Amino acid sequence: MPPLSSVCVLVPTYNEAETVGDVINDFHREGFENILVIDGGSEDGTPDIAREHGANVVMQSGSGKGQAIREAMEYHVDAEYVLMLDGDATYRAADAENMLAPLDEGYEHVIGDRFADMKNGAMTRFNRLGNRVVNGGFATIHGHDYRDILSGYRAFTRASFGRMTLTADGFGVETEMAVECVKRNIRTTVVPVTYLPRPNGSDTNLRPIRDGGIIFLELYRRAKTNNPLFYFGSVGGVSTVTGFLIAAYVAVEWITIRVSHEVLAVVAAFAIIVGVQLLMFGVLSDLILTLHRDTLRKIDEESD
């Protein structure tokens, strides 16, 4: 495990007064001194409580977890290694050693798998189902199974974070980071962690429907540059199939009762043409991406 003096514990917070003190104390007991809390304008005294418990506290200039992480990494974190987690006391400092150990083995990004040891009441069935769907979609689209891409418990090198291009402001940042790990060939591994229920009196900032929609949109949007065949092929496939179904209906109507549907016929032809073009564009984009990755890999091999 890297020396604790080289690790910054980064805790983005928003209205975590009930739990942030316990989180900081937990990491102090494990020997961590460099604890940075970046707060998104809490209205319940979270920053004051964090300071009282010995953390360095900065107020983010914008809003949203993603923006907080980017701002902290750009302006406030100097440590070589970063251990990032939420301030809601659902993650344990006792798992920090397992999270950081792979960084000493050459990995650049570590994801804590909450499903490895999820305690009763830690996640609703609805949220658990949503997580499974997102993880399955990620594995299908991006070709890597990270098991829990929405986990807020991460360990990474400062250098690898600098290679990422992150734009999400809210909870979509975890999805974005996972995609960037695949896209930038950042050596990533997954370790089991314990996931605890939120303590009584602590309210979640997550809105399952709204934030779930943002996460799915981010997952699909990122496929454009990492798996263009899926991105364009899915739309093209739907358009092509829709066009053929409409065309089949028009043909049946004409053959059976001699009723013509000129407008529907035009729509069907348009849908098929657009769909086929998108499928072809997806294949060409995938070929270009493959050649680009091969070129980058050869450059990296020559530089080594």
C-alpha atoms as a PDB file:
ATOM      1  CA  MET A   1       0.000   0.000   0.000  1.00  0.00           C
ATOM      2  CA  PRO A   2       1.296   3.531  -0.738  1.00  0.00           C
ATOM      3  CA  PRO A   3       2.477   5.513   2.303  1.00  0.00           C
ATOM      4  CA  LEU A   4      -0.422   7.322   3.929  1.00  0.00           C
ATOM      5  CA  SER A   5       1.437  10.620   3.625  1.00  0.00           C
ATOM      6  CA  SER A   6       1.089  10.361  -0.164  1.00  0.00           C
ATOM      7  CA  VAL A   7      -2.698   9.837  -0.043  1.00  0.00           C
ATOM      8  CA  CYS A   8      -5.425  12.482  -0.014  1.00  0.00           C
ATOM      9  CA  VAL A   9      -8.843  11.327   1.184  1.00  0.00           C
ATOM     10  CA  LEU A  10     -11.302  13.304  -0.948  1.00  0.00           C
ATOM     11  CA  VAL A  11     -14.868  13.637   0.335  1.00  0.00           C
ATOM     12  CA  PRO A  12     -17.415  15.583  -1.761  1.00  0.00           C
ATOM     13  CA  THR A  13     -20.328  16.618   0.473  1.00  0.00           C
ATOM     14  CA  TYR A  14     -23.710  18.275   0.385  1.00  0.00           C
ATOM     15  CA  ASN A  15     -25.829  18.368   3.548  1.00  0.00           C
ATOM     16  CA  GLU A  16     -23.969  15.527   5.299  1.00  0.00           C
ATOM     17  CA  ALA A  17     -23.960  17.024   8.822  1.00  0.00           C
ATOM     18  CA  GLU A  18     -25.239  13.788  10.366  1.00  0.00           C
ATOM     19  CA  THR A  19     -22.396  11.670   9.049  1.00  0.00           C
ATOM     20  CA  VAL A  20     -19.372  13.684   7.904  1.00  0.00           C
ATOM     21  CA  GLY A  21     -17.844  13.857  11.394  1.00  0.00           C
ATOM     22  CA  ASP A  22     -17.965  10.077  11.773  1.00  0.00           C
ATOM     23  CA  VAL A  23     -16.424   9.608   8.324  1.00  0.00           C
ATOM     24  CA  ILE A  24     -13.504  11.899   9.169  1.00  0.00           C
ATOM     25  CA  ASN A  25     -12.952  10.266  12.573  1.00  0.00           C
ATOM     26  CA  ASP A  26     -13.016   6.840  10.941  1.00  0.00           C
ATOM     27  CA  PHE A  27     -10.181   7.751   8.585  1.00  0.00           C
ATOM     28  CA  HIS A  28      -8.191   9.510  11.291  1.00  0.00           C
ATOM     29  CA  ARG A  29      -8.251   6.274  13.281  1.00  0.00           C
ATOM     30  CA  GLU A  30      -6.785   4.461  10.267  1.00  0.00           C
ATOM     31  CA  GLY A  31      -3.892   6.951  10.183  1.00  0.00           C
ATOM     32  CA  PHE A  32      -4.984   9.281   7.386  1.00  0.00           C
ATOM     33  CA  GLU A  33      -4.162  12.938   8.019  1.00  0.00           C
ATOM     34  CA  ASN A  34      -4.760  14.546   4.619  1.00  0.00           C
ATOM     35  CA  ILE A  35      -8.559  14.612   4.444  1.00  0.00           C
ATOM     36  CA  LEU A  36     -10.117  17.121   2.057  1.00  0.00           C
ATOM     37  CA  VAL A  37     -13.830  17.883   2.205  1.00  0.00           C
ATOM     38  CA  ILE A  38     -15.145  19.850  -0.759  1.00  0.00           C
ATOM     39  CA  ASP A  39     -18.632  21.093  -0.028  1.00  0.00           C
ATOM     40  CA  GLY A  40     -21.318  22.087  -2.503  1.00  0.00           C
ATOM     41  CA  GLY A  41     -23.010  24.751  -0.379  1.00  0.00           C
ATOM     42  CA  SER A  42     -24.504  22.685   2.423  1.00  0.00           C
ATOM     43  CA  GLU A  43     -27.223  24.364   4.467  1.00  0.00           C
ATOM     44  CA  ASP A  44     -26.907  22.159   7.566  1.00  0.00           C
ATOM     45  CA  GLY A  45     -23.463  23.127   8.840  1.00  0.00           C
ATOM     46  CA  THR A  46     -21.522  20.310   7.153  1.00  0.00           C
ATOM     47  CA  PRO A  47     -18.390  22.442   6.505  1.00  0.00           C
ATOM     48  CA  ASP A  48     -18.171  23.605  10.140  1.00  0.00           C
ATOM     49  CA  ILE A  49     -18.523  20.054  11.455  1.00  0.00           C
ATOM     50  CA  ALA A  50     -15.857  18.834   9.036  1.00  0.00           C
ATOM     51  CA  ARG A  51     -13.443  21.517  10.225  1.00  0.00           C
ATOM     52  CA  GLU A  52     -14.130  20.697  13.869  1.00  0.00           C
ATOM     53  CA  HIS A  53     -13.136  17.086  13.174  1.00  0.00           C
ATOM     54  CA  GLY A  54      -9.840  18.069  11.596  1.00  0.00           C
ATOM     55  CA  ALA A  55     -10.504  17.992   7.863  1.00  0.00           C
ATOM     56  CA  ASN A  56      -9.384  20.571   5.332  1.00  0.00           C
ATOM     57  CA  VAL A  57     -12.533  22.161   3.919  1.00  0.00           C
ATOM     58  CA  VAL A  58     -13.036  24.081   0.693  1.00  0.00           C
ATOM     59  CA  MET A  59     -16.253  25.342  -0.836  1.00  0.00           C
ATOM     60  CA  GLN A  60     -16.781  24.471  -4.472  1.00  0.00           C
ATOM     61  CA  SER A  61     -17.541  27.317  -6.842  1.00  0.00           C
ATOM     62  CA  GLY A  62     -20.273  25.452  -8.708  1.00  0.00           C
ATOM     63  CA  SER A  63     -22.666  22.643  -7.883  1.00  0.00           C
ATOM     64  CA  GLY A  64     -22.841  18.895  -8.376  1.00  0.00           C
ATOM     65  CA  LYS A  65     -20.578  16.021  -7.396  1.00  0.00           C
ATOM     66  CA  GLY A  66     -18.796  15.861 -10.740  1.00  0.00           C
ATOM     67  CA  GLN A  67     -17.937  19.538 -10.687  1.00  0.00           C
ATOM     68  CA  ALA A  68     -16.722  19.218  -7.086  1.00  0.00           C
ATOM     69  CA  ILE A  69     -14.337  16.374  -7.963  1.00  0.00           C
ATOM     70  CA  ARG A  70     -12.887  18.192 -10.971  1.00  0.00           C
ATOM     71  CA  GLU A  71     -12.393  21.395  -9.006  1.00  0.00           C
ATOM     72  CA  ALA A  72     -10.786  19.604  -6.070  1.00  0.00           C
ATOM     73  CA  MET A  73      -8.374  17.691  -8.293  1.00  0.00           C
ATOM     74  CA  GLU A  74      -7.424  20.759 -10.305  1.00  0.00           C
ATOM     75  CA  TYR A  75      -6.914  23.262  -7.517  1.00  0.00           C
ATOM     76  CA  HIS A  76      -6.681  21.580  -4.118  1.00  0.00           C
ATOM     77  CA  VAL A  77      -5.164  18.086  -4.368  1.00  0.00           C
ATOM     78  CA  ASP A  78      -1.380  17.764  -4.529  1.00  0.00           C
ATOM     79  CA  ALA A  79      -1.028  14.184  -3.295  1.00  0.00           C
ATOM     80  CA  GLU A  80       0.169  11.443  -5.629  1.00  0.00           C
ATOM     81  CA  TYR A  81      -2.754   9.167  -4.701  1.00  0.00           C
ATOM     82  CA  VAL A  82      -6.412   9.937  -4.053  1.00  0.00           C
ATOM     83  CA  LEU A  83      -8.943   7.898  -2.088  1.00  0.00           C
ATOM     84  CA  MET A  84     -12.415   9.215  -2.896  1.00  0.00           C
ATOM     85  CA  LEU A  85     -15.660   8.393  -1.137  1.00  0.00           C
ATOM     86  CA  ASP A  86     -19.033   9.875  -0.243  1.00  0.00           C
ATOM     87  CA  GLY A  87     -19.573  11.591   3.083  1.00  0.00           C
ATOM     88  CA  ASP A  88     -22.670   9.587   4.030  1.00  0.00           C
ATOM     89  CA  ALA A  89     -20.911   6.946   6.184  1.00  0.00           C
ATOM     90  CA  THR A  90     -21.846   4.096   3.849  1.00  0.00           C
ATOM     91  CA  TYR A  91     -18.189   3.229   3.195  1.00  0.00           C
ATOM     92  CA  ARG A  92     -15.627   2.065   5.764  1.00  0.00           C
ATOM     93  CA  ALA A  93     -12.118   3.375   6.347  1.00  0.00           C
ATOM     94  CA  ALA A  94     -11.238  -0.234   7.195  1.00  0.00           C
ATOM     95  CA  ASP A  95     -11.446  -1.002   3.456  1.00  0.00           C
ATOM     96  CA  ALA A  96      -8.972   1.743   2.569  1.00  0.00           C
ATOM     97  CA  GLU A  97      -5.961  -0.579   2.614  1.00  0.00           C
ATOM     98  CA  ASN A  98      -7.596  -2.957   0.115  1.00  0.00           C
ATOM     99  CA  MET A  99      -8.550   0.009  -2.067  1.00  0.00           C
ATOM    100  CA  LEU A 100      -5.047   1.482  -2.124  1.00  0.00           C
ATOM    101  CA  ALA A 101      -2.982  -1.716  -2.339  1.00  0.00           C
ATOM    102  CA  PRO A 102      -3.487  -2.250  -6.122  1.00  0.00           C
ATOM    103  CA  LEU A 103      -1.981   1.200  -6.791  1.00  0.00           C
ATOM    104  CA  ASP A 104       1.319  -0.205  -5.530  1.00  0.00           C
ATOM    105  CA  GLU A 105       0.970  -3.084  -7.985  1.00  0.00           C
ATOM    106  CA  GLY A 106       0.805  -0.877 -11.078  1.00  0.00           C
ATOM    107  CA  TYR A 107      -2.928  -0.238 -11.282  1.00  0.00           C
ATOM    108  CA  GLU A 108      -4.017   3.351 -11.787  1.00  0.00           C
ATOM    109  CA  HIS A 109      -7.696   3.220 -10.846  1.00  0.00           C
ATOM    110  CA  VAL A 110      -9.501   1.067  -8.287  1.00  0.00           C
ATOM    111  CA  ILE A 111     -13.270   0.637  -7.929  1.00  0.00           C
ATOM    112  CA  GLY A 112     -14.849  -0.588  -4.708  1.00  0.00           C
ATOM    113  CA  ASP A 113     -17.459  -3.262  -5.421  1.00  0.00           C
ATOM    114  CA  ARG A 114     -20.384  -2.603  -3.074  1.00  0.00           C
ATOM    115  CA  PHE A 115     -22.212  -5.759  -4.118  1.00  0.00           C
ATOM    116  CA  ALA A 116     -19.438  -7.926  -2.671  1.00  0.00           C
ATOM    117  CA  ASP A 117     -20.665  -7.197   0.866  1.00  0.00           C
ATOM    118  CA  MET A 118     -23.848  -5.143   0.838  1.00  0.00           C
ATOM    119  CA  LYS A 119     -25.537  -4.989   4.226  1.00  0.00           C
ATOM    120  CA  ASN A 120     -29.301  -5.237   4.624  1.00  0.00           C
ATOM    121  CA  GLY A 121     -31.008  -1.920   3.969  1.00  0.00           C
ATOM    122  CA  ALA A 122     -27.994  -0.374   2.258  1.00  0.00           C
ATOM    123  CA  MET A 123     -29.769  -0.192  -1.109  1.00  0.00           C
ATOM    124  CA  THR A 124     -33.406  -0.472  -2.131  1.00  0.00           C
ATOM    125  CA  ARG A 125     -34.467  -3.210  -4.537  1.00  0.00           C
ATOM    126  CA  PHE A 126     -35.265  -0.576  -7.144  1.00  0.00           C
ATOM    127  CA  ASN A 127     -31.809   0.982  -6.892  1.00  0.00           C
ATOM    128  CA  ARG A 128     -30.179  -2.444  -6.889  1.00  0.00           C
ATOM    129  CA  LEU A 129     -32.029  -3.360 -10.092  1.00  0.00           C
ATOM    130  CA  GLY A 130     -31.032  -0.063 -11.668  1.00  0.00           C
ATOM    131  CA  ASN A 131     -27.391  -0.655 -10.763  1.00  0.00           C
ATOM    132  CA  ARG A 132     -27.474  -4.121 -12.285  1.00  0.00           C
ATOM    133  CA  VAL A 133     -28.960  -2.768 -15.520  1.00  0.00           C
ATOM    134  CA  VAL A 134     -26.374   0.028 -15.731  1.00  0.00           C
ATOM    135  CA  ASN A 135     -23.481  -2.361 -15.075  1.00  0.00           C
ATOM    136  CA  GLY A 136     -24.796  -4.819 -17.648  1.00  0.00           C
ATOM    137  CA  GLY A 137     -25.204  -2.038 -20.187  1.00  0.00           C
ATOM    138  CA  PHE A 138     -21.698  -0.786 -19.520  1.00  0.00           C
ATOM    139  CA  ALA A 139     -20.205  -4.253 -19.983  1.00  0.00           C
ATOM    140  CA  THR A 140     -22.126  -4.702 -23.247  1.00  0.00           C
ATOM    141  CA  ILE A 141     -21.307  -1.300 -24.693  1.00  0.00           C
ATOM    142  CA  HIS A 142     -17.722  -0.849 -23.524  1.00  0.00           C
ATOM    143  CA  GLY A 143     -16.539  -4.432 -23.294  1.00  0.00           C
ATOM    144  CA  HIS A 144     -15.313  -4.359 -19.675  1.00  0.00           C
ATOM    145  CA  ASP A 145     -17.086  -5.681 -16.600  1.00  0.00           C
ATOM    146  CA  TYR A 146     -16.195  -3.421 -13.669  1.00  0.00           C
ATOM    147  CA  ARG A 147     -19.072  -4.938 -11.648  1.00  0.00           C
ATOM    148  CA  ASP A 148     -20.029  -1.669  -9.899  1.00  0.00           C
ATOM    149  CA  ILE A 149     -19.326   1.387 -12.050  1.00  0.00           C
ATOM    150  CA  LEU A 150     -21.615   3.579  -9.897  1.00  0.00           C
ATOM    151  CA  SER A 151     -19.583   2.969  -6.747  1.00  0.00           C
ATOM    152  CA  GLY A 152     -18.518   6.161  -4.993  1.00  0.00           C
ATOM    153  CA  TYR A 153     -15.515   4.474  -3.378  1.00  0.00           C
ATOM    154  CA  ARG A 154     -12.525   4.995  -5.679  1.00  0.00           C
ATOM    155  CA  ALA A 155      -8.753   5.046  -5.422  1.00  0.00           C
ATOM    156  CA  PHE A 156      -6.645   6.449  -8.238  1.00  0.00           C
ATOM    157  CA  THR A 157      -3.399   8.129  -9.098  1.00  0.00           C
ATOM    158  CA  ARG A 158      -3.410  11.849  -9.652  1.00  0.00           C
ATOM    159  CA  ALA A 159      -1.625  11.300 -12.973  1.00  0.00           C
ATOM    160  CA  SER A 160      -4.324   8.960 -14.319  1.00  0.00           C
ATOM    161  CA  PHE A 161      -7.061  11.402 -13.348  1.00  0.00           C
ATOM    162  CA  GLY A 162      -5.283  14.052 -15.382  1.00  0.00           C
ATOM    163  CA  ARG A 163      -5.658  11.889 -18.494  1.00  0.00           C
ATOM    164  CA  MET A 164      -9.442  11.800 -18.131  1.00  0.00           C
ATOM    165  CA  THR A 165     -11.804  14.184 -19.866  1.00  0.00           C
ATOM    166  CA  LEU A 166     -14.719  14.646 -17.480  1.00  0.00           C
ATOM    167  CA  THR A 167     -17.688  16.929 -18.106  1.00  0.00           C
ATOM    168  CA  ALA A 168     -20.541  15.542 -15.972  1.00  0.00           C
ATOM    169  CA  ASP A 169     -21.536  17.801 -13.095  1.00  0.00           C
ATOM    170  CA  GLY A 170     -23.740  15.429 -11.099  1.00  0.00           C
ATOM    171  CA  PHE A 171     -23.871  11.724 -10.254  1.00  0.00           C
ATOM    172  CA  GLY A 172     -23.012  10.784 -13.832  1.00  0.00           C
ATOM    173  CA  VAL A 173     -19.349  11.366 -12.988  1.00  0.00           C
ATOM    174  CA  GLU A 174     -18.806   7.771 -11.797  1.00  0.00           C
ATOM    175  CA  THR A 175     -20.081   6.424 -15.117  1.00  0.00           C
ATOM    176  CA  GLU A 176     -17.925   8.924 -16.956  1.00  0.00           C
ATOM    177  CA  MET A 177     -14.829   7.894 -15.002  1.00  0.00           C
ATOM    178  CA  ALA A 178     -15.418   4.218 -15.803  1.00  0.00           C
ATOM    179  CA  VAL A 179     -15.792   4.996 -19.507  1.00  0.00           C
ATOM    180  CA  GLU A 180     -12.625   7.091 -19.466  1.00  0.00           C
ATOM    181  CA  CYS A 181     -10.716   4.210 -17.844  1.00  0.00           C
ATOM    182  CA  VAL A 182     -11.618   2.033 -20.828  1.00  0.00           C
ATOM    183  CA  LYS A 183     -11.090   4.752 -23.409  1.00  0.00           C
ATOM    184  CA  ARG A 184      -7.704   5.928 -22.069  1.00  0.00           C
ATOM    185  CA  ASN A 185      -6.428   2.407 -21.298  1.00  0.00           C
ATOM    186  CA  ILE A 186      -6.100   3.269 -17.622  1.00  0.00           C
ATOM    187  CA  ARG A 187      -5.193   0.114 -15.725  1.00  0.00           C
ATOM    188  CA  THR A 188      -8.269  -0.546 -13.602  1.00  0.00           C
ATOM    189  CA  THR A 189      -9.207  -3.219 -11.095  1.00  0.00           C
ATOM    190  CA  VAL A 190     -12.121  -3.933  -8.764  1.00  0.00           C
ATOM    191  CA  VAL A 191     -11.865  -4.853  -5.083  1.00  0.00           C
ATOM    192  CA  PRO A 192     -14.615  -5.931  -2.670  1.00  0.00           C
ATOM    193  CA  VAL A 193     -15.792  -3.406  -0.071  1.00  0.00           C
ATOM    194  CA  THR A 194     -18.517  -3.319   2.540  1.00  0.00           C
ATOM    195  CA  TYR A 195     -21.497  -1.091   1.819  1.00  0.00           C
ATOM    196  CA  LEU A 196     -23.451   0.075   4.868  1.00  0.00           C
ATOM    197  CA  PRO A 197     -26.965   1.526   5.245  1.00  0.00           C
ATOM    198  CA  ARG A 198     -27.164   5.265   5.751  1.00  0.00           C
ATOM    199  CA  PRO A 199     -27.471   6.115   9.448  1.00  0.00           C
ATOM    200  CA  ASN A 200     -30.842   7.247  10.784  1.00  0.00           C
ATOM    201  CA  GLY A 201     -31.396  10.950  10.200  1.00  0.00           C
ATOM    202  CA  SER A 202     -29.174  11.026   7.138  1.00  0.00           C
ATOM    203  CA  ASP A 203     -31.025  11.792   3.906  1.00  0.00           C
ATOM    204  CA  THR A 204     -29.721  10.721   0.516  1.00  0.00           C
ATOM    205  CA  ASN A 205     -28.981  13.287  -2.182  1.00  0.00           C
ATOM    206  CA  LEU A 206     -29.664  10.689  -4.870  1.00  0.00           C
ATOM    207  CA  ARG A 207     -32.923  10.932  -6.840  1.00  0.00           C
ATOM    208  CA  PRO A 208     -33.259   7.490  -8.494  1.00  0.00           C
ATOM    209  CA  ILE A 209     -35.440   8.463 -11.460  1.00  0.00           C
ATOM    210  CA  ARG A 210     -33.760  11.761 -12.307  1.00  0.00           C
ATOM    211  CA  ASP A 211     -30.193  10.676 -11.626  1.00  0.00           C
ATOM    212  CA  GLY A 212     -30.780   7.262 -13.185  1.00  0.00           C
ATOM    213  CA  GLY A 213     -31.865   8.965 -16.394  1.00  0.00           C
ATOM    214  CA  ILE A 214     -28.732  11.128 -16.350  1.00  0.00           C
ATOM    215  CA  ILE A 215     -26.552   8.052 -15.838  1.00  0.00           C
ATOM    216  CA  PHE A 216     -28.175   6.131 -18.706  1.00  0.00           C
ATOM    217  CA  LEU A 217     -27.849   9.171 -20.975  1.00  0.00           C
ATOM    218  CA  GLU A 218     -24.178   9.555 -20.048  1.00  0.00           C
ATOM    219  CA  LEU A 219     -23.558   5.853 -20.632  1.00  0.00           C
ATOM    220  CA  TYR A 220     -25.119   6.017 -24.110  1.00  0.00           C
ATOM    221  CA  ARG A 221     -23.567   9.374 -25.021  1.00  0.00           C
ATOM    222  CA  ARG A 222     -20.097   8.116 -24.191  1.00  0.00           C
ATOM    223  CA  ALA A 223     -20.574   5.122 -26.496  1.00  0.00           C
ATOM    224  CA  LYS A 224     -20.244   7.545 -29.423  1.00  0.00           C
ATOM    225  CA  THR A 225     -16.467   7.764 -29.029  1.00  0.00           C
ATOM    226  CA  ASN A 226     -15.761   4.423 -27.362  1.00  0.00           C
ATOM    227  CA  ASN A 227     -18.105   2.048 -29.230  1.00  0.00           C
ATOM    228  CA  PRO A 228     -19.458   3.858 -32.299  1.00  0.00           C
ATOM    229  CA  LEU A 229     -20.765   0.620 -33.787  1.00  0.00           C
ATOM    230  CA  PHE A 230     -23.190   0.280 -30.883  1.00  0.00           C
ATOM    231  CA  TYR A 231     -23.988   4.018 -30.761  1.00  0.00           C
ATOM    232  CA  PHE A 232     -24.896   4.381 -34.447  1.00  0.00           C
ATOM    233  CA  GLY A 233     -25.874   0.755 -34.958  1.00  0.00           C
ATOM    234  CA  SER A 234     -28.559   0.805 -32.273  1.00  0.00           C
ATOM    235  CA  VAL A 235     -30.280   3.842 -33.784  1.00  0.00           C
ATOM    236  CA  GLY A 236     -29.744   2.540 -37.300  1.00  0.00           C
ATOM    237  CA  GLY A 237     -31.097  -0.872 -36.389  1.00  0.00           C
ATOM    238  CA  VAL A 238     -34.253   0.571 -34.850  1.00  0.00           C
ATOM    239  CA  SER A 239     -34.781   2.833 -37.872  1.00  0.00           C
ATOM    240  CA  THR A 240     -34.257  -0.016 -40.337  1.00  0.00           C
ATOM    241  CA  VAL A 241     -36.550  -2.443 -38.519  1.00  0.00           C
ATOM    242  CA  THR A 242     -39.225   0.244 -38.173  1.00  0.00           C
ATOM    243  CA  GLY A 243     -38.998   0.995 -41.873  1.00  0.00           C
ATOM    244  CA  PHE A 244     -39.378  -2.675 -42.827  1.00  0.00           C
ATOM    245  CA  LEU A 245     -42.379  -3.086 -40.506  1.00  0.00           C
ATOM    246  CA  ILE A 246     -44.110  -0.080 -42.050  1.00  0.00           C
ATOM    247  CA  ALA A 247     -43.245  -1.350 -45.519  1.00  0.00           C
ATOM    248  CA  ALA A 248     -44.662  -4.772 -44.684  1.00  0.00           C
ATOM    249  CA  TYR A 249     -47.917  -3.159 -43.511  1.00  0.00           C
ATOM    250  CA  VAL A 250     -48.153  -1.105 -46.714  1.00  0.00           C
ATOM    251  CA  ALA A 251     -47.516  -4.214 -48.858  1.00  0.00           C
ATOM    252  CA  VAL A 252     -50.125  -6.317 -47.021  1.00  0.00           C
ATOM    253  CA  GLU A 253     -52.735  -3.563 -47.339  1.00  0.00           C
ATOM    254  CA  TRP A 254     -52.050  -3.233 -51.072  1.00  0.00           C
ATOM    255  CA  ILE A 255     -52.098  -6.988 -51.773  1.00  0.00           C
ATOM    256  CA  THR A 256     -55.162  -7.854 -49.693  1.00  0.00           C
ATOM    257  CA  ILE A 257     -57.544  -4.922 -50.118  1.00  0.00           C
ATOM    258  CA  ARG A 258     -55.860  -2.819 -52.802  1.00  0.00           C
ATOM    259  CA  VAL A 259     -55.492   0.194 -50.516  1.00  0.00           C
ATOM    260  CA  SER A 260     -52.365   2.245 -51.115  1.00  0.00           C
ATOM    261  CA  HIS A 261     -50.548   4.218 -48.416  1.00  0.00           C
ATOM    262  CA  GLU A 262     -48.243   6.533 -50.343  1.00  0.00           C
ATOM    263  CA  VAL A 263     -47.213   8.610 -47.337  1.00  0.00           C
ATOM    264  CA  LEU A 264     -46.449   5.547 -45.236  1.00  0.00           C
ATOM    265  CA  ALA A 265     -44.486   4.082 -48.132  1.00  0.00           C
ATOM    266  CA  VAL A 266     -42.333   7.203 -48.296  1.00  0.00           C
ATOM    267  CA  VAL A 267     -41.813   7.108 -44.521  1.00  0.00           C
ATOM    268  CA  ALA A 268     -40.810   3.431 -44.688  1.00  0.00           C
ATOM    269  CA  ALA A 269     -38.307   4.072 -47.476  1.00  0.00           C
ATOM    270  CA  PHE A 270     -36.834   7.043 -45.618  1.00  0.00           C
ATOM    271  CA  ALA A 271     -36.502   5.044 -42.375  1.00  0.00           C
ATOM    272  CA  ILE A 272     -34.772   2.149 -44.151  1.00  0.00           C
ATOM    273  CA  ILE A 273     -32.353   4.426 -46.019  1.00  0.00           C
ATOM    274  CA  VAL A 274     -31.442   6.386 -42.875  1.00  0.00           C
ATOM    275  CA  GLY A 275     -31.100   3.182 -40.859  1.00  0.00           C
ATOM    276  CA  VAL A 276     -28.788   1.507 -43.370  1.00  0.00           C
ATOM    277  CA  GLN A 277     -26.667   4.663 -43.620  1.00  0.00           C
ATOM    278  CA  LEU A 278     -26.294   4.821 -39.848  1.00  0.00           C
ATOM    279  CA  LEU A 279     -25.310   1.149 -39.724  1.00  0.00           C
ATOM    280  CA  MET A 280     -22.677   1.728 -42.399  1.00  0.00           C
ATOM    281  CA  PHE A 281     -21.430   4.820 -40.585  1.00  0.00           C
ATOM    282  CA  GLY A 282     -21.166   2.807 -37.382  1.00  0.00           C
ATOM    283  CA  VAL A 283     -19.083   0.114 -39.088  1.00  0.00           C
ATOM    284  CA  LEU A 284     -16.738   2.707 -40.631  1.00  0.00           C
ATOM    285  CA  SER A 285     -16.397   4.595 -37.335  1.00  0.00           C
ATOM    286  CA  ASP A 286     -15.595   1.357 -35.520  1.00  0.00           C
ATOM    287  CA  LEU A 287     -12.909   0.565 -38.093  1.00  0.00           C
ATOM    288  CA  ILE A 288     -11.351   4.027 -37.696  1.00  0.00           C
ATOM    289  CA  LEU A 289     -11.419   3.692 -33.902  1.00  0.00           C
ATOM    290  CA  THR A 290      -9.740   0.279 -34.064  1.00  0.00           C
ATOM    291  CA  LEU A 291      -6.962   1.644 -36.283  1.00  0.00           C
ATOM    292  CA  HIS A 292      -6.558   4.628 -33.965  1.00  0.00           C
ATOM    293  CA  ARG A 293      -6.209   2.382 -30.908  1.00  0.00           C
ATOM    294  CA  ASP A 294      -3.686   0.157 -32.698  1.00  0.00           C
ATOM    295  CA  THR A 295      -1.627   3.232 -33.589  1.00  0.00           C
ATOM    296  CA  LEU A 296      -1.672   4.518 -30.020  1.00  0.00           C
ATOM    297  CA  ARG A 297      -0.702   1.089 -28.703  1.00  0.00           C
ATOM    298  CA  LYS A 298       2.302   0.932 -31.063  1.00  0.00           C
ATOM    299  CA  ILE A 299       3.353   4.439 -30.007  1.00  0.00           C
ATOM    300  CA  ASP A 300       3.163   3.432 -26.340  1.00  0.00           C
ATOM    301  CA  GLU A 301       5.194   0.267 -27.007  1.00  0.00           C
ATOM    302  CA  GLU A 302       7.889   2.243 -28.823  1.00  0.00           C
ATOM    303  CA  SER A 303       8.038   4.850 -26.043  1.00  0.00           C
ATOM    304  CA  ASP A 304       8.511   2.087 -23.438  1.00  0.00           C
END
